[in-house]
C-alpha atoms as a PDB file:
ATOM      1  CA  MET A   1      -0.131   0.295  -0.609  1.00  0.00           C
ATOM      2  CA  ALA A   2       2.936   1.769   0.523  1.00  0.00           C
ATOM      3  CA  HIS A   3       2.985   2.570  -3.175  1.00  0.00           C
ATOM      4  CA  LYS A   4      -0.675   3.096  -3.784  1.00  0.00           C
ATOM      5  CA  VAL A   5       0.275  -0.505  -6.013  1.00  0.00           C
ATOM      6  CA  PRO A   6      -3.356  -2.868  -5.705  1.00  0.00           C
ATOM      7  CA  GLN A   7      -2.463  -6.604  -4.447  1.00  0.00           C
ATOM      8  CA  ILE A   8      -2.935 -10.285  -4.955  1.00  0.00           C
ATOM      9  CA  VAL A   9      -1.642 -11.340  -1.932  1.00  0.00           C
ATOM     10  CA  PHE A  10      -0.273 -15.450  -0.864  1.00  0.00           C
ATOM     11  CA  PRO A  11      -0.589 -15.133   2.563  1.00  0.00           C
ATOM     12  CA  LYS A  12       1.490 -17.130   5.821  1.00  0.00           C
ATOM     13  CA  ALA A  13      -1.551 -18.880   7.239  1.00  0.00           C
ATOM     14  CA  PHE A  14       0.279 -17.474  10.709  1.00  0.00           C
ATOM     15  CA  GLY A  15       0.846 -14.261  12.949  1.00  0.00           C
ATOM     16  CA  ASP A  16      -0.611 -10.567  11.415  1.00  0.00           C
ATOM     17  CA  PHE A  17      -0.276 -11.472   7.521  1.00  0.00           C
ATOM     18  CA  LEU A  18      -3.450 -12.790   6.982  1.00  0.00           C
ATOM     19  CA  ASP A  19      -5.287 -10.444   9.040  1.00  0.00           C
ATOM     20  CA  ASN A  20      -3.553  -7.914   6.791  1.00  0.00           C
ATOM     21  CA  ALA A  21      -4.654  -9.990   3.675  1.00  0.00           C
ATOM     22  CA  ARG A  22      -7.711  -9.910   4.535  1.00  0.00           C
ATOM     23  CA  TYR A  23      -7.754  -6.267   5.683  1.00  0.00           C
ATOM     24  CA  VAL A  24      -6.790  -5.798   2.439  1.00  0.00           C
ATOM     25  CA  ALA A  25      -8.553  -7.933  -0.073  1.00  0.00           C
ATOM     26  CA  ASP A  26     -12.038  -6.819   2.171  1.00  0.00           C
ATOM     27  CA  GLN A  27     -11.021  -3.598   1.460  1.00  0.00           C
ATOM     28  CA  GLY A  28     -11.764  -4.437  -2.000  1.00  0.00           C
ATOM     29  CA  ALA A  29      -7.338  -3.455  -2.335  1.00  0.00           C
ATOM     30  CA  GLY A  30      -6.906  -6.306  -3.396  1.00  0.00           C
ATOM     31  CA  VAL A  31      -7.452 -10.630  -3.923  1.00  0.00           C
ATOM     32  CA  LEU A  32      -6.863 -12.521  -1.470  1.00  0.00           C
ATOM     33  CA  VAL A  33      -5.418 -16.182  -2.932  1.00  0.00           C
ATOM     34  CA  ASP A  34      -4.612 -19.704  -1.421  1.00  0.00           C
ATOM     35  CA  ARG A  35      -0.637 -19.880  -1.890  1.00  0.00           C
ATOM     36  CA  GLU A  36      -1.685 -24.149  -2.189  1.00  0.00           C
ATOM     37  CA  ASN A  37      -4.491 -24.002  -4.979  1.00  0.00           C
ATOM     38  CA  VAL A  38      -5.075 -21.530  -6.941  1.00  0.00           C
ATOM     39  CA  THR A  39      -4.168 -22.297 -10.894  1.00  0.00           C
ATOM     40  CA  LEU A  40      -1.539 -20.096 -13.409  1.00  0.00           C
ATOM     41  CA  ASP A  41      -4.772 -19.998 -15.593  1.00  0.00           C
ATOM     42  CA  GLU A  42      -6.244 -18.324 -11.890  1.00  0.00           C
ATOM     43  CA  LEU A  43      -2.863 -16.019 -11.211  1.00  0.00           C
ATOM     44  CA  ARG A  44      -3.609 -14.822 -14.578  1.00  0.00           C
ATOM     45  CA  SER A  45      -7.177 -13.956 -14.420  1.00  0.00           C
ATOM     46  CA  LEU A  46      -7.275 -12.050 -11.218  1.00  0.00           C
ATOM     47  CA  LEU A  47      -3.895 -10.507 -12.308  1.00  0.00           C
ATOM     48  CA  SER A  48      -6.744  -9.388 -15.066  1.00  0.00           C
ATOM     49  CA  ARG A  49      -9.277  -7.761 -12.855  1.00  0.00           C
ATOM     50  CA  VAL A  50      -6.649  -5.891 -10.378  1.00  0.00           C
ATOM     51  CA  VAL A  51      -5.287  -3.751 -13.224  1.00  0.00           C
ATOM     52  CA  GLY A  52      -8.162  -3.704 -15.725  1.00  0.00           C
ATOM     53  CA  ASP A  53     -10.882  -3.139 -12.400  1.00  0.00           C
ATOM     54  CA  PRO A  54     -10.237   1.053 -11.785  1.00  0.00           C
ATOM     55  CA  SER A  55     -11.545   0.278  -8.296  1.00  0.00           C
ATOM     56  CA  TYR A  56      -8.488  -1.735  -7.124  1.00  0.00           C
ATOM     57  CA  LYS A  57      -6.314   1.550  -7.707  1.00  0.00           C
ATOM     58  CA  ALA A  58      -9.079   3.619  -6.447  1.00  0.00           C
ATOM     59  CA  ALA A  59      -9.385   1.541  -3.032  1.00  0.00           C
ATOM     60  CA  ALA A  60      -5.360   0.669  -2.843  1.00  0.00           C
ATOM     61  CA  GLU A  61      -4.919   4.777  -2.841  1.00  0.00           C
ATOM     62  CA  ALA A  62      -7.727   4.828  -0.110  1.00  0.00           C
ATOM     63  CA  LEU A  63      -5.414   2.118   2.102  1.00  0.00           C
ATOM     64  CA  HIS A  64      -2.461   4.229   0.996  1.00  0.00           C
ATOM     65  CA  GLU A  65      -4.484   7.727   3.156  1.00  0.00           C
ATOM     66  CA  GLU A  66      -5.459   5.679   5.831  1.00  0.00           C
ATOM     67  CA  MET A  67      -1.492   4.066   6.187  1.00  0.00           C
ATOM     68  CA  LEU A  68      -0.569   7.427   5.803  1.00  0.00           C
ATOM     69  CA  GLY A  69      -2.828   9.021   8.835  1.00  0.00           C
ATOM     70  CA  THR A  70      -1.827   6.094  10.905  1.00  0.00           C
ATOM     71  CA  PRO A  71       0.680   7.666  13.531  1.00  0.00           C
ATOM     72  CA  GLY A  72       4.050   6.173  13.616  1.00  0.00           C
ATOM     73  CA  PRO A  73       6.686   5.115  16.733  1.00  0.00           C
ATOM     74  CA  ASN A  74       7.556   9.105  17.632  1.00  0.00           C
ATOM     75  CA  GLU A  75       4.270   9.700  18.296  1.00  0.00           C
ATOM     76  CA  MET A  76       3.133   7.163  19.698  1.00  0.00           C
ATOM     77  CA  VAL A  77       5.950   6.126  22.152  1.00  0.00           C
ATOM     78  CA  PRO A  78       5.203   8.650  24.374  1.00  0.00           C
ATOM     79  CA  VAL A  79       1.396   8.002  24.777  1.00  0.00           C
ATOM     80  CA  LEU A  80       2.141   4.749  25.892  1.00  0.00           C
ATOM     81  CA  GLU A  81       5.039   6.092  28.542  1.00  0.00           C
ATOM     82  CA  ARG A  82       1.747   8.279  29.343  1.00  0.00           C
ATOM     83  CA  LEU A  83      -0.234   5.674  29.536  1.00  0.00           C
ATOM     84  CA  VAL A  84       2.169   3.228  31.345  1.00  0.00           C
ATOM     85  CA  ALA A  85       2.975   5.721  34.295  1.00  0.00           C
ATOM     86  CA  GLU A  86      -1.136   6.314  34.923  1.00  0.00           C
ATOM     87  CA  ASN A  87      -1.491   2.632  34.954  1.00  0.00           C
ATOM     88  CA  ARG A  88       1.370   2.135  37.648  1.00  0.00           C
ATOM     89  CA  SER A  89       0.085   5.157  39.801  1.00  0.00           C
ATOM     90  CA  ARG A  90      -3.274   3.648  39.990  1.00  0.00           C
ATOM     91  CA  ALA A  91      -2.098   0.159  40.247  1.00  0.00           C
ATOM     92  CA  ALA A  92       0.241   2.508  43.250  1.00  0.00           C
ATOM     93  CA  ARG A  93      -3.368   3.742  45.012  1.00  0.00           C
ATOM     94  CA  ASP A  94      -5.139   0.415  45.149  1.00  0.00           C
ATOM     95  CA  ARG A  95      -2.650  -1.339  46.575  1.00  0.00           C
ATOM     96  CA  ALA A  96      -2.313   1.684  49.702  1.00  0.00           C
ATOM     97  CA  GLU A  97      -5.666   0.698  49.728  1.00  0.00           C
ATOM     98  CA  SER A  98      -6.077  -2.142  50.421  1.00  0.00           C
END
């Protein structure tokens, strides 16, 4: 999505790879392919569909914009540090009260 290109996704069956692949497909920015059972003819057909249908490109561009709006580590670390500090303070108060 970093390059606004529609995807034909062959996800691994573990970790977040499958979730990410499903998200891309659900958003219309690509298609999910069963790597174990896809034939060459099916792959050709999928490629023609993804390249030929402008809705895939539009969806890939939308996901790209969504990705740009996602906070990066420099923005998230201070928030996480604040939340941890607040939780530690709350936990310490709770222990002191009990």
